[in-house]
Each structure stands twice: as C-alpha cells, then as structure tokens.
Amino acid sequence: MPESVDVVIRGASVYDGTGAPPRRADVALAGDRVASVGDASALHANLSLDASGLALAPGFVDVHTHDDFALVTRPEMDFKILGGVTTVVVGNCGLGASPWSVARGWAGAFAPEGTVLPEWDGFAGYFALLDREPASTNAAALVGHAVVRASAMGNERRAPDARELEAMRALVREGRDAGAVGFSTGLIYEPGRWADPAEVTALAAVFAGTGGLYATHMRDEGLGLLDSVRESIEVGRRAGVPVQISHHKASGSAAWGLVKESLRLIEAAQAEGLDVTADQYPYTAGSTGLFAIVRNGAFDGGPGGLGRISPDKVVIAASPGHPEWEGKTIVELGSLLGLEPQAAALRAVELCPATTAVLHSMSEDDVRTVMRHKSTMIGSDGIPSLPGKPHPRLWGTFARVLGRYARDLGLFPLAEAVHRMTGMAARKFGLRDRGVIRAGAFADLVVFDPARILDVGTYEDPNHPPVGVRDVFVNGARVVRDGAHTGARPGRALRRA
C-alpha cells in the first residue's frame, strides 16, 4: 500500500529558493508542510498535479507592502496571491497597524476604498484578528515609527522629552513582544522627518538581540541619498540591529547615477560585518500620497528628499470621491480645476487628503544597477488604493522581475531572481521554514510558466494579475487554481521566531 500524502506536484523544474540551479523533481505536501522533494512515483496523493514544463518555486515574500488594512478589509488579497505572493511584510515606511487610534487615520490612503476597520488592541490584537479571520496570504509586521511617534507626541517638530521617548519605546516593545519582525521609519514623511538619528536609534534598539531589523524609507532619496544611506547604516550599527534600506533608488534626474555610490556604501558596511541589505520595485515610477509630494516641495525642488519632479510627471492614482481625477497628471488636473499645477495639487489634497499619486522620477539604468546588486531583494511597495488606478507594481512586481528582467533582459539567472524574492527575503525577516522548498518547510508554493510569466498591468490600466502563474499554495492549501482564486484563506500571522 503506497504512502499517502495530500498533494503531489509532479515533474516541475524546482527552484528551491536557495539560488541553486533548478532540478526536475516531484514535491509532496502533507498538511501545511512539504513532505518530500524527489521521486514521488510511489506516493498516493489526494491531489496530483502535472507540472511538466513548468517551474515550481517557494511562494514569493513581498518584503515591502502597505497591506496592513487590506489584510482585514480585502482578505482574499487577490492583487498579491494571483501573482504568486504568499507572504506580505506590512508596517513599512513608519506606518502600521498599531496603535489603532492613530493607524486608522491612514487607512483611507492605504486600504481599498470604502474601508471600515474593526478595532484591535496593539499588535497582539492585530495578530489575533488575523488568526481569527485569516487572509489568503501570510503576514509579518514591522512596528512603524510614524504611528508610534504620533501617538506619543502628535506632529511636534522637536525631539521627544524623556517621558515621550519612553512612551514610544513602550509601544515598540509591545509590538516586539507580540511578534513583530522589526521597526520601520519613514523619515521623508511627517512626523518621521522631525526625528533625529538619536531618537530612531533608541527605538530601533528595542529589537537588539532579537533578530528583528530596522527598515527605513530614508530621509532623502534625491541629492541627499548618500548621507541618508550613511545615516541608516549608523542607526543599525549603534542600535545593534540589521538594516533594510527600503525601495533603494535615486529620485529626480539630478540624482540619477548616485546608486552606484550608495551600493558601494552598502558593500563597505557588509565588509565590516554589518547586516545591511535593501529592497526594490522594478519600475521607474514611484507612488505615494499626494500630500507628501506637496509637503516635500517636489515641484520646486524643495529640501524634502524626493528630488525635483515636474508636475507633468505626477499622475493621480486614486482619489476617493473624485474618480474623474484618476489617471490625470497634475498639469491636466490644473486645467480641469482652472488652477496652476501646484495650486491644483494643493486643492486636491485639501479636498481629498487620501489622494495618492504615481511619480515618474527614476532612471531605468539605475533600476537595473540596483537590481543586479547582491544586496537587493524584491518588494512591491504597492498601495492597495482600489478600485482606482494604483501603480501597476501592486499586481505585477514579481512577475515583472521574473519575466522582463531575468528572462528577457538576462540581468541574472531565474534561480537568482527566485532567491531574491524567497529564501533571501525569508532569512532577512526571520521567517523560519519559509522561502525554501525542502522537506519540513511550510508549503508556500507557486507553479508558474517561466516562458510566459509577465506583468500585464499598465499605468493607465493597472488592475490586472500577471500572466503565467498557474497554481499557488499557502500553508499547503491551494489558493490559486489554473490562474483563478479558489476563495481559500489559509494565511497566518507570522510572529518573529
């Protein structure tokens, strides 16, 4: 009588997440784990899938997301799972899910339109909610500095006093003890921009010795990029924690090319023995709240850290209540409102503070330079401002790396691309037994066609899943079958090991 397992995926080219070359093998699943990798011809399976000619990889780990609230209000997470993403890391850029009383104020911009949130108590309550009402993807969380600072001292433009700093440290400790995987900052945004390195270091140090990391949307991604990288590395050094530089790029044409120097700074830190890495989305446009573009003075090259960006390079992505603005540049919005472009942007923020925008501010050469570098893993940074016109990275990031950059342009082998978005990411963020295909690992898996996989969403029409993803499993449950969502929601809240 043959041994029985739940699922066998037969004959795939297995990319195991370590960066090793693929090998043809059968992969058997029992419960939520991989039971075996090799020859499964003697095994009886309740479900047997022929994957001949297809690739089998660990589920992709999206290390930079803003899905904190979408996990609750759009738990099917179709914009991620249909592209092979099985785990999202939330709480980036200093934002996050707790304290709830402050976090809910950002929900309008960082969650699908019409969001109504239940209340939770701290990260412990947030994780408990995800346990009770799971999403289709797993989720790990960072403690966001902006939410913590706003809770302790509002938008005060000064250093905290001793009482306020201890109040912030207590909130970070609550997240740490609940299982958060690290601490994040958004030093280009208010109130994070008012924090000095000493404050950031004191808060990041709460994670010292735990394996938790410091992830940062740096203070300046324009002409001040190199000083910002130095600051990030120094915070990690003094706090005693690993560093993750978020969406590594040079913003604004005057800063193009600086990534060569910023990569050398990362290399120098690694040579010292510091754990410094970065993530990247594979596009030349970014996306953020329109309020941030205005407040950073990007249209006139102000000192806010975004670099100078022409109003005709900024496009409204989503504006709840004003769908007629979506897809229009700030110049076109000005014509519609009868205002000069900067005045139109100000007016849009006044009328709808949750307005988000896409900004075309990067160089393709820089994107490729950063992507080739061994320090870079993949994160979408997508804003789930649905059903507007969000940046196409929300749906297509991982397929774009695999299809355009690995297969078509040959920046690196497919095995290396898979490693950047699976094993490398899981190891950095402390996701034990994930990001690899081996016996005993969690059965987060994606079956895709390496000849077809590609992002198909555009800036004008972004809300489309990529092509070439056939099947996705999360914790052993099939969530995508033949490219369609099954409705399953087997995701888990992943607490720091």
Protein backbone atom coordinates (compact mmCIF):
# COMPACT_ATOMS: atom_id res chain seq x y z
CA MET A 1 0.00 0.00 0.00
CA PRO A 2 1.72 3.27 -1.06
CA GLU A 3 2.25 6.02 1.43
CA SER A 4 -0.48 8.67 1.21
CA VAL A 5 0.04 12.43 1.07
CA ASP A 6 -2.29 15.32 0.39
CA VAL A 7 -0.74 16.75 -2.77
CA VAL A 8 1.99 15.78 -5.21
CA ILE A 9 3.22 18.31 -7.78
CA ARG A 10 4.93 16.15 -10.38
CA GLY A 11 7.72 16.81 -12.84
CA ALA A 12 8.33 20.51 -12.21
CA SER A 13 11.62 22.34 -12.55
CA VAL A 14 12.13 23.06 -8.85
CA TYR A 15 13.72 26.38 -7.93
CA ASP A 16 14.25 25.75 -4.22
CA GLY A 17 14.80 29.38 -3.12
CA THR A 18 18.48 28.99 -2.25
CA GLY A 19 19.74 30.24 -5.62
CA ALA A 20 20.78 26.73 -6.67
CA PRO A 21 20.09 25.70 -10.28
CA PRO A 22 16.69 24.09 -10.84
CA ARG A 23 16.22 20.34 -10.84
CA ARG A 24 13.36 18.23 -12.11
CA ALA A 25 11.57 16.69 -9.15
CA ASP A 26 8.25 15.82 -7.57
CA VAL A 27 7.22 17.75 -4.47
CA ALA A 28 4.81 16.12 -2.00
CA LEU A 29 2.75 18.04 0.57
CA ALA A 30 1.29 16.71 3.80
CA GLY A 31 -0.78 19.12 5.83
CA ASP A 32 0.87 22.53 5.87
CA ARG A 33 4.39 21.26 5.12
CA VAL A 34 6.50 19.88 2.32
CA ALA A 35 6.76 16.13 2.89
CA SER A 36 9.40 15.27 0.30
CA VAL A 37 11.32 16.55 -2.72
CA GLY A 38 12.46 13.97 -5.26
CA ASP A 39 10.77 10.93 -6.77
CA ALA A 40 7.17 10.66 -5.58
CA SER A 41 6.11 7.93 -8.04
CA ALA A 42 5.39 5.54 -5.15
CA LEU A 43 3.22 8.01 -3.28
CA HIS A 44 -0.55 8.13 -3.39
CA ALA A 45 -1.89 11.68 -3.35
CA ASN A 46 -5.37 13.04 -2.84
CA LEU A 47 -4.45 15.64 -5.48
CA SER A 48 -1.86 15.02 -8.17
CA LEU A 49 -0.78 17.91 -10.39
CA ASP A 50 1.27 17.56 -13.55
CA ALA A 51 3.77 20.44 -13.68
CA SER A 52 5.90 19.17 -16.53
CA GLY A 53 7.48 22.10 -18.37
CA LEU A 54 6.62 24.47 -15.53
CA ALA A 55 8.61 25.99 -12.67
CA LEU A 56 7.89 25.37 -9.00
CA ALA A 57 9.22 27.93 -6.53
CA PRO A 58 8.62 28.92 -2.92
CA GLY A 59 5.83 31.44 -2.61
CA PHE A 60 7.13 34.95 -3.08
CA VAL A 61 7.78 37.08 0.01
CA ASP A 62 6.84 40.73 -0.59
CA VAL A 63 9.10 42.45 1.92
CA HIS A 64 7.75 45.95 1.38
CA THR A 65 3.98 46.37 1.39
CA HIS A 66 1.29 48.65 2.72
CA ASP A 67 -1.31 45.88 3.03
CA ASP A 68 -1.85 46.35 6.78
CA PHE A 69 -5.54 47.15 6.40
CA ALA A 70 -6.21 45.29 3.15
CA LEU A 71 -5.49 42.04 5.01
CA VAL A 72 -8.58 42.85 7.07
CA THR A 73 -10.88 44.51 4.54
CA ARG A 74 -9.91 42.61 1.36
CA PRO A 75 -8.67 39.33 2.85
CA GLU A 76 -8.69 37.44 -0.44
CA MET A 77 -5.62 39.57 -1.29
CA ASP A 78 -6.17 38.90 -4.99
CA PHE A 79 -3.74 41.63 -6.03
CA LYS A 80 -0.92 39.66 -4.39
CA ILE A 81 -1.86 35.97 -4.39
CA LEU A 82 -2.68 35.86 -8.12
CA GLY A 83 0.91 36.96 -8.75
CA GLY A 84 2.40 34.24 -6.56
CA VAL A 85 2.94 36.29 -3.38
CA THR A 86 2.24 34.11 -0.34
CA THR A 87 3.65 36.35 2.43
CA VAL A 88 3.49 40.12 2.84
CA VAL A 89 5.50 42.24 5.26
CA VAL A 90 3.42 45.19 6.49
CA GLY A 91 4.25 48.19 8.65
CA ASN A 92 6.73 49.76 6.25
CA CYS A 93 7.75 53.42 5.90
CA GLY A 94 6.97 54.12 9.54
CA LEU A 95 3.29 53.36 9.08
CA GLY A 96 1.49 50.36 10.53
CA ALA A 97 -1.39 48.80 12.34
CA SER A 98 -0.84 49.96 15.90
CA PRO A 99 -1.67 51.99 17.92
CA TRP A 100 -5.03 51.60 16.22
CA SER A 101 -6.37 55.03 17.18
CA VAL A 102 -3.64 56.68 15.10
CA ALA A 103 -3.18 53.99 12.45
CA ARG A 104 -6.81 54.15 11.33
CA GLY A 105 -6.20 57.71 10.13
CA TRP A 106 -4.04 56.35 7.31
CA ALA A 107 -6.50 53.66 6.30
CA GLY A 108 -8.13 55.86 3.66
CA ALA A 109 -4.93 56.03 1.61
CA PHE A 110 -3.53 52.57 2.37
CA ALA A 111 -6.57 50.36 2.04
CA PRO A 112 -9.24 49.67 -0.58
CA GLU A 113 -11.90 52.34 -1.00
CA GLY A 114 -14.77 52.17 1.48
CA THR A 115 -12.64 50.63 4.22
CA VAL A 116 -14.37 50.11 7.57
CA LEU A 117 -11.98 48.78 10.20
CA PRO A 118 -12.75 46.81 13.32
CA GLU A 119 -10.80 47.94 16.36
CA TRP A 120 -7.87 45.98 17.77
CA ASP A 121 -5.64 46.45 20.80
CA GLY A 122 -1.97 46.71 19.89
CA PHE A 123 -0.06 44.33 17.68
CA ALA A 124 -1.17 41.47 19.88
CA GLY A 125 -4.75 42.32 18.96
CA TYR A 126 -3.91 42.80 15.29
CA PHE A 127 -2.21 39.41 15.06
CA ALA A 128 -5.09 37.79 16.95
CA LEU A 129 -7.54 39.25 14.45
CA LEU A 130 -5.55 37.79 11.56
CA ASP A 131 -5.55 34.45 13.37
CA ARG A 132 -9.33 34.53 13.78
CA GLU A 133 -10.13 35.91 10.33
CA PRO A 134 -7.22 34.86 8.11
CA ALA A 135 -6.36 36.31 4.75
CA SER A 136 -5.27 34.36 1.70
CA THR A 137 -1.65 35.33 2.34
CA ASN A 138 0.57 35.13 5.38
CA ALA A 139 1.56 38.41 7.02
CA ALA A 140 4.52 39.58 9.08
CA ALA A 141 4.61 43.08 10.57
CA LEU A 142 7.01 45.87 11.42
CA VAL A 143 6.36 48.44 14.15
CA GLY A 144 6.00 51.81 12.41
CA HIS A 145 7.77 54.84 13.85
CA ALA A 146 5.32 57.43 12.50
CA VAL A 147 2.35 55.79 14.20
CA VAL A 148 4.29 55.41 17.45
CA ARG A 149 5.56 59.00 17.41
CA ALA A 150 2.17 60.47 16.53
CA SER A 151 0.62 58.52 19.39
CA ALA A 152 3.17 59.87 21.88
CA MET A 153 3.63 63.46 20.70
CA GLY A 154 1.46 64.22 17.68
CA ASN A 155 3.20 66.10 14.88
CA GLU A 156 5.53 68.07 17.15
CA ARG A 157 8.59 69.37 15.30
CA ARG A 158 11.11 68.68 18.07
CA ALA A 159 12.93 65.93 19.89
CA PRO A 160 10.88 63.97 22.44
CA ASP A 161 11.39 64.53 26.12
CA ALA A 162 12.30 61.58 28.34
CA ARG A 163 8.67 60.74 29.10
CA GLU A 164 7.66 60.82 25.44
CA LEU A 165 10.63 58.71 24.38
CA GLU A 166 9.79 56.10 27.00
CA ALA A 167 6.15 56.10 25.84
CA MET A 168 7.38 55.37 22.30
CA ARG A 169 9.74 52.66 23.50
CA ALA A 170 6.86 51.01 25.36
CA LEU A 171 4.79 50.89 22.17
CA VAL A 172 7.72 49.40 20.24
CA ARG A 173 8.20 46.82 23.00
CA GLU A 174 4.55 45.83 22.75
CA GLY A 175 4.99 45.14 19.05
CA ARG A 176 8.26 43.30 19.64
CA ASP A 177 6.74 41.10 22.33
CA ALA A 178 3.68 40.39 20.17
CA GLY A 179 5.96 39.04 17.42
CA ALA A 180 6.73 41.94 15.07
CA VAL A 181 9.80 41.30 12.91
CA GLY A 182 11.34 44.75 13.33
CA PHE A 183 10.96 48.52 13.38
CA SER A 184 10.46 50.85 10.41
CA THR A 185 10.79 54.56 9.72
CA GLY A 186 9.51 56.93 7.06
CA LEU A 187 11.95 59.80 7.56
CA ILE A 188 10.81 61.61 4.43
CA TYR A 189 7.27 61.99 5.84
CA GLU A 190 5.74 63.82 8.80
CA PRO A 191 6.09 63.16 11.68
CA GLY A 192 9.10 60.93 10.99
CA ARG A 193 11.05 63.73 9.37
CA TRP A 194 11.19 65.57 12.70
CA ALA A 195 13.05 62.68 14.38
CA ASP A 196 16.81 62.87 14.75
CA PRO A 197 19.09 59.80 14.48
CA ALA A 198 19.38 59.52 18.26
CA GLU A 199 15.61 59.06 18.61
CA VAL A 200 15.49 56.50 15.81
CA THR A 201 18.43 54.59 17.28
CA ALA A 202 16.85 54.46 20.74
CA LEU A 203 13.67 52.96 19.28
CA ALA A 204 15.35 50.54 16.86
CA ALA A 205 17.49 49.29 19.75
CA VAL A 206 14.39 47.79 21.36
CA PHE A 207 14.90 44.95 18.85
CA ALA A 208 18.61 44.46 19.64
CA GLY A 209 19.45 40.81 20.20
CA THR A 210 16.08 39.54 18.97
CA GLY A 211 16.79 39.12 15.27
CA GLY A 212 14.39 41.95 14.50
CA LEU A 213 15.60 44.50 11.95
CA TYR A 214 15.46 48.21 11.16
CA ALA A 215 13.76 49.01 7.82
CA THR A 216 13.84 52.58 6.59
CA HIS A 217 12.32 54.81 3.98
CA MET A 218 15.30 57.11 4.22
CA ARG A 219 15.35 60.84 4.83
CA ASP A 220 16.42 61.76 1.32
CA GLU A 221 16.28 59.72 -1.91
CA GLY A 222 17.38 62.62 -4.10
CA LEU A 223 20.66 64.51 -3.93
CA GLY A 224 20.99 63.60 -0.24
CA LEU A 225 20.84 59.86 -0.96
CA LEU A 226 24.38 59.06 0.19
CA ASP A 227 24.06 60.85 3.53
CA SER A 228 20.77 59.03 4.07
CA VAL A 229 22.39 55.65 3.46
CA ARG A 230 25.18 56.57 5.88
CA GLU A 231 22.61 57.56 8.50
CA SER A 232 20.71 54.29 8.05
CA ILE A 233 23.83 52.19 8.44
CA GLU A 234 24.89 54.15 11.51
CA VAL A 235 21.49 53.67 13.17
CA GLY A 236 21.82 49.93 12.65
CA ARG A 237 25.38 49.92 13.96
CA ARG A 238 24.54 51.85 17.13
CA ALA A 239 21.24 50.08 17.77
CA GLY A 240 22.77 46.65 17.19
CA VAL A 241 20.21 45.55 14.60
CA PRO A 242 20.27 44.53 10.91
CA VAL A 243 19.35 47.23 8.38
CA GLN A 244 16.96 47.05 5.45
CA ILE A 245 17.00 50.04 3.09
CA SER A 246 13.55 50.38 1.59
CA HIS A 247 12.95 50.79 -2.16
CA HIS A 248 16.57 51.65 -2.97
CA LYS A 249 16.62 54.29 -5.70
CA ALA A 250 17.72 57.76 -6.74
CA SER A 251 14.74 60.08 -7.18
CA GLY A 252 14.84 63.08 -9.52
CA SER A 253 17.04 63.33 -12.60
CA ALA A 254 19.70 65.39 -10.79
CA ALA A 255 20.38 62.36 -8.55
CA TRP A 256 20.49 59.70 -11.25
CA GLY A 257 23.64 57.60 -11.06
CA LEU A 258 24.14 58.08 -7.30
CA VAL A 259 23.04 54.48 -6.71
CA LYS A 260 26.50 53.33 -7.78
CA GLU A 261 27.91 55.15 -4.77
CA SER A 262 25.12 54.08 -2.42
CA LEU A 263 25.74 50.45 -3.36
CA ARG A 264 29.41 50.91 -2.50
CA LEU A 265 28.39 52.20 0.94
CA ILE A 266 26.35 49.03 1.46
CA GLU A 267 29.30 46.90 0.35
CA ALA A 268 31.60 48.70 2.80
CA ALA A 269 29.15 48.10 5.65
CA GLN A 270 28.87 44.43 4.75
CA ALA A 271 32.67 44.18 4.67
CA GLU A 272 32.66 45.40 8.29
CA GLY A 273 30.35 42.53 9.17
CA LEU A 274 27.15 44.60 9.35
CA ASP A 275 23.93 43.06 8.03
CA VAL A 276 22.80 45.69 5.52
CA THR A 277 20.54 44.90 2.56
CA ALA A 278 17.86 46.65 0.50
CA ASP A 279 14.72 46.05 -1.49
CA GLN A 280 13.48 47.42 -4.79
CA TYR A 281 10.42 47.55 -7.03
CA PRO A 282 11.17 47.05 -10.75
CA TYR A 283 9.74 50.27 -12.20
CA THR A 284 10.97 53.79 -12.95
CA ALA A 285 7.96 55.39 -11.25
CA GLY A 286 7.21 55.56 -7.56
CA SER A 287 3.95 56.18 -5.75
CA THR A 288 2.96 57.91 -2.54
CA GLY A 289 0.39 60.21 -1.06
CA LEU A 290 -0.02 63.45 -3.00
CA PHE A 291 0.21 65.28 0.35
CA ALA A 292 3.79 64.02 0.71
CA ILE A 293 4.78 65.28 -2.73
CA VAL A 294 3.33 68.69 -1.95
CA ARG A 295 4.80 68.96 1.56
CA ASN A 296 8.24 67.85 0.37
CA GLY A 297 8.31 70.67 -2.19
CA ALA A 298 8.99 68.25 -5.02
CA PHE A 299 7.53 70.52 -7.71
CA ASP A 300 10.05 73.26 -6.99
CA GLY A 301 12.97 71.10 -5.84
CA GLY A 302 12.44 71.75 -2.15
CA PRO A 303 14.56 70.18 0.60
CA GLY A 304 12.12 67.39 1.40
CA GLY A 305 14.08 64.48 -0.10
CA LEU A 306 12.02 63.47 -3.13
CA GLY A 307 14.10 65.44 -5.62
CA ARG A 308 12.65 67.83 -8.19
CA ILE A 309 9.71 66.34 -10.11
CA SER A 310 7.83 68.12 -12.87
CA PRO A 311 4.05 68.32 -12.39
CA ASP A 312 3.55 66.64 -15.76
CA LYS A 313 5.37 63.57 -14.37
CA VAL A 314 2.97 63.14 -11.43
CA VAL A 315 -0.29 61.30 -12.10
CA ILE A 316 -3.27 60.90 -9.78
CA ALA A 317 -3.59 57.21 -8.91
CA ALA A 318 -6.61 57.21 -6.61
CA SER A 319 -8.77 59.87 -5.02
CA PRO A 320 -11.82 58.55 -3.17
CA GLY A 321 -14.82 60.59 -4.16
CA HIS A 322 -13.08 62.09 -7.20
CA PRO A 323 -12.66 59.32 -9.77
CA GLU A 324 -12.63 61.96 -12.52
CA TRP A 325 -9.13 62.96 -11.36
CA GLU A 326 -7.65 59.48 -11.63
CA GLY A 327 -5.16 59.00 -14.44
CA LYS A 328 -4.63 62.74 -14.89
CA THR A 329 -1.30 64.49 -14.49
CA ILE A 330 -1.08 67.43 -12.13
CA VAL A 331 -0.90 69.68 -15.20
CA GLU A 332 -4.12 68.13 -16.54
CA LEU A 333 -5.72 68.40 -13.09
CA GLY A 334 -4.85 72.09 -13.12
CA SER A 335 -6.63 72.54 -16.44
CA LEU A 336 -9.67 70.70 -15.06
CA LEU A 337 -9.78 72.85 -11.90
CA GLY A 338 -8.76 76.10 -13.59
CA LEU A 339 -5.63 76.39 -11.45
CA GLU A 340 -1.87 76.41 -11.87
CA PRO A 341 -0.42 72.91 -11.35
CA GLN A 342 0.94 73.41 -7.82
CA ALA A 343 -2.25 75.14 -6.73
CA ALA A 344 -4.24 72.26 -8.22
CA ALA A 345 -2.20 69.74 -6.22
CA LEU A 346 -2.82 71.74 -3.04
CA ARG A 347 -6.52 71.91 -3.80
CA ALA A 348 -6.69 68.15 -4.39
CA VAL A 349 -5.04 67.48 -1.04
CA GLU A 350 -7.46 69.84 0.69
CA LEU A 351 -10.49 68.19 -0.90
CA CYS A 352 -9.23 64.62 -0.52
CA PRO A 353 -6.25 64.10 1.82
CA ALA A 354 -6.16 60.39 0.89
CA THR A 355 -5.27 61.13 -2.75
CA THR A 356 -2.36 59.02 -3.97
CA ALA A 357 -0.17 59.63 -7.00
CA VAL A 358 2.33 57.95 -9.28
CA LEU A 359 5.53 59.93 -9.86
CA HIS A 360 7.85 59.22 -12.78
CA SER A 361 11.18 60.09 -11.21
CA MET A 362 13.75 57.33 -11.76
CA SER A 363 16.25 56.12 -14.35
CA GLU A 364 15.97 52.69 -15.99
CA ASP A 365 19.76 52.37 -15.79
CA ASP A 366 19.57 52.91 -12.03
CA VAL A 367 16.81 50.34 -11.68
CA ARG A 368 18.97 47.74 -13.41
CA THR A 369 22.09 48.69 -11.45
CA VAL A 370 20.31 48.25 -8.12
CA MET A 371 18.59 45.04 -9.21
CA ARG A 372 21.82 43.36 -10.28
CA HIS A 373 23.43 44.00 -6.91
CA LYS A 374 23.61 41.11 -4.44
CA SER A 375 22.21 43.29 -1.63
CA THR A 376 18.83 43.72 -3.34
CA MET A 377 15.67 41.74 -2.70
CA ILE A 378 12.21 42.47 -4.10
CA GLY A 379 9.33 44.43 -2.55
CA SER A 380 6.34 45.89 -4.35
CA ASP A 381 5.66 48.97 -2.18
CA GLY A 382 2.19 48.79 -3.70
CA ILE A 383 -0.60 50.92 -2.28
CA PRO A 384 -3.88 48.97 -2.46
CA SER A 385 -5.90 52.06 -3.33
CA LEU A 386 -8.52 50.06 -5.16
CA PRO A 387 -10.55 50.41 -7.34
CA GLY A 388 -8.60 53.43 -8.61
CA LYS A 389 -5.50 53.38 -10.80
CA PRO A 390 -2.81 52.23 -8.37
CA HIS A 391 0.78 51.83 -9.51
CA PRO A 392 0.98 48.57 -11.53
CA ARG A 393 3.61 47.32 -9.07
CA LEU A 394 0.71 46.39 -6.76
CA TRP A 395 -0.15 43.44 -9.03
CA GLY A 396 2.87 42.86 -11.21
CA THR A 397 6.15 43.33 -9.32
CA PHE A 398 7.30 39.72 -9.03
CA ALA A 399 6.21 38.62 -12.48
CA ARG A 400 7.99 41.64 -13.93
CA VAL A 401 11.28 40.69 -12.28
CA LEU A 402 10.99 37.08 -13.45
CA GLY A 403 9.73 37.84 -16.94
CA ARG A 404 11.24 41.13 -18.03
CA TYR A 405 14.45 41.41 -16.04
CA ALA A 406 15.54 37.78 -15.55
CA ARG A 407 14.21 36.04 -18.66
CA ASP A 408 14.04 38.76 -21.33
CA LEU A 409 16.89 41.07 -20.31
CA GLY A 410 19.10 38.46 -18.62
CA LEU A 411 20.07 40.59 -15.62
CA PHE A 412 20.51 37.42 -13.61
CA PRO A 413 19.52 33.73 -13.84
CA LEU A 414 15.96 32.79 -12.94
CA ALA A 415 17.26 30.87 -9.92
CA GLU A 416 18.88 34.04 -8.59
CA ALA A 417 15.69 36.05 -9.17
CA VAL A 418 13.66 33.47 -7.27
CA HIS A 419 16.19 33.51 -4.42
CA ARG A 420 15.94 37.32 -4.09
CA MET A 421 12.16 37.07 -3.61
CA THR A 422 12.05 33.92 -1.45
CA GLY A 423 14.96 32.47 0.53
CA MET A 424 16.91 35.72 0.86
CA ALA A 425 13.83 37.62 1.99
CA ALA A 426 12.64 34.97 4.45
CA ARG A 427 16.08 34.73 6.05
CA LYS A 428 16.42 38.51 6.46
CA PHE A 429 12.98 38.92 8.02
CA GLY A 430 13.26 35.88 10.28
CA LEU A 431 10.52 33.81 8.64
CA ARG A 432 11.51 30.37 9.80
CA ASP A 433 10.93 27.40 7.46
CA ARG A 434 9.67 29.66 4.69
CA GLY A 435 11.16 30.85 1.42
CA VAL A 436 12.65 27.44 0.56
CA ILE A 437 11.46 24.12 -0.84
CA ARG A 438 12.71 21.27 1.33
CA ALA A 439 11.20 18.56 3.47
CA GLY A 440 9.77 20.12 6.62
CA ALA A 441 9.39 23.65 5.23
CA PHE A 442 5.98 25.25 5.10
CA ALA A 443 4.17 24.52 1.86
CA ASP A 444 4.01 28.04 0.44
CA LEU A 445 4.48 27.34 -3.27
CA VAL A 446 3.90 28.84 -6.70
CA VAL A 447 3.72 26.98 -10.01
CA PHE A 448 4.42 29.23 -12.99
CA ASP A 449 5.36 29.08 -16.65
CA PRO A 450 8.84 30.58 -16.98
CA ALA A 451 8.29 31.17 -20.71
CA ARG A 452 5.09 33.17 -20.17
CA ILE A 453 5.24 34.87 -16.77
CA LEU A 454 4.98 38.64 -17.14
CA ASP A 455 3.23 41.66 -15.68
CA VAL A 456 0.49 42.99 -17.95
CA GLY A 457 -0.94 45.92 -15.98
CA THR A 458 -0.10 49.41 -17.21
CA TYR A 459 -0.17 52.82 -15.55
CA GLU A 460 -3.35 53.57 -17.49
CA ASP A 461 -4.97 50.19 -16.76
CA PRO A 462 -3.15 48.62 -13.79
CA ASN A 463 -5.60 46.29 -12.10
CA HIS A 464 -4.72 43.01 -13.81
CA PRO A 465 -2.95 39.96 -12.43
CA PRO A 466 0.15 38.83 -14.29
CA VAL A 467 0.07 36.02 -16.80
CA GLY A 468 1.87 32.73 -16.35
CA VAL A 469 1.02 31.94 -12.70
CA ARG A 470 -0.94 28.67 -12.63
CA ASP A 471 -1.19 27.44 -9.04
CA VAL A 472 -0.42 28.89 -5.61
CA PHE A 473 -0.41 27.07 -2.26
CA VAL A 474 -0.31 28.75 1.15
CA ASN A 475 0.38 26.52 4.15
CA GLY A 476 -0.49 23.53 1.99
CA ALA A 477 -3.88 24.86 0.83
CA ARG A 478 -4.50 25.63 -2.85
CA VAL A 479 -5.42 29.29 -3.15
CA VAL A 480 -4.93 29.71 -6.90
CA ARG A 481 -6.01 27.00 -9.36
CA ASP A 482 -5.34 27.45 -13.07
CA GLY A 483 -4.85 31.18 -12.54
CA ALA A 484 -8.11 31.71 -10.60
CA HIS A 485 -8.62 32.36 -6.89
CA THR A 486 -10.22 29.40 -5.11
CA GLY A 487 -11.57 31.53 -2.26
CA ALA A 488 -9.34 29.79 0.30
CA ARG A 489 -7.92 31.91 3.11
CA PRO A 490 -5.25 29.81 4.83
CA GLY A 491 -2.85 32.66 5.63
CA ARG A 492 -1.33 33.14 9.06
CA ALA A 493 0.07 35.94 11.18
CA LEU A 494 3.79 35.21 11.21
CA ARG A 495 5.32 36.14 14.53
CA ARG A 496 9.05 36.59 14.95
CA ALA A 497 10.60 33.24 15.83
